[in-house]
Amino acid sequence: MTKATMFEAKTNLSELVKKAQAGETVIITSGKARTPVATLQRIEAVTPKRLGVCYNPKFVLPEDFFDPPTEAELNEWES
């Protein structure tokens, strides 16, 4: 476990983040009493979620996907 003051954390942030990535907990302190105010710790990588059961990475939206519907398409919806 590493402790760092606010000033030390601002000065050495990338080094402290590397320690956190390695699994070490870094405690940030504040004031003359060095009161703990925050911690840096590693988080697990988040894997992207699938977009439902029909997920297909090769699917591409057509160019006109966001265009307003035509009169014929509106008539189809209303019938």
Foldseek 3Di string as FASTA:
>chain_A
DAEEEPVRCVVCVVVQQVCQQVADKYFYAYDPVRHTDDIRHDDDDDDDDAPPPPGDPVDDDDPCNPPDDDPVVVVVVVD
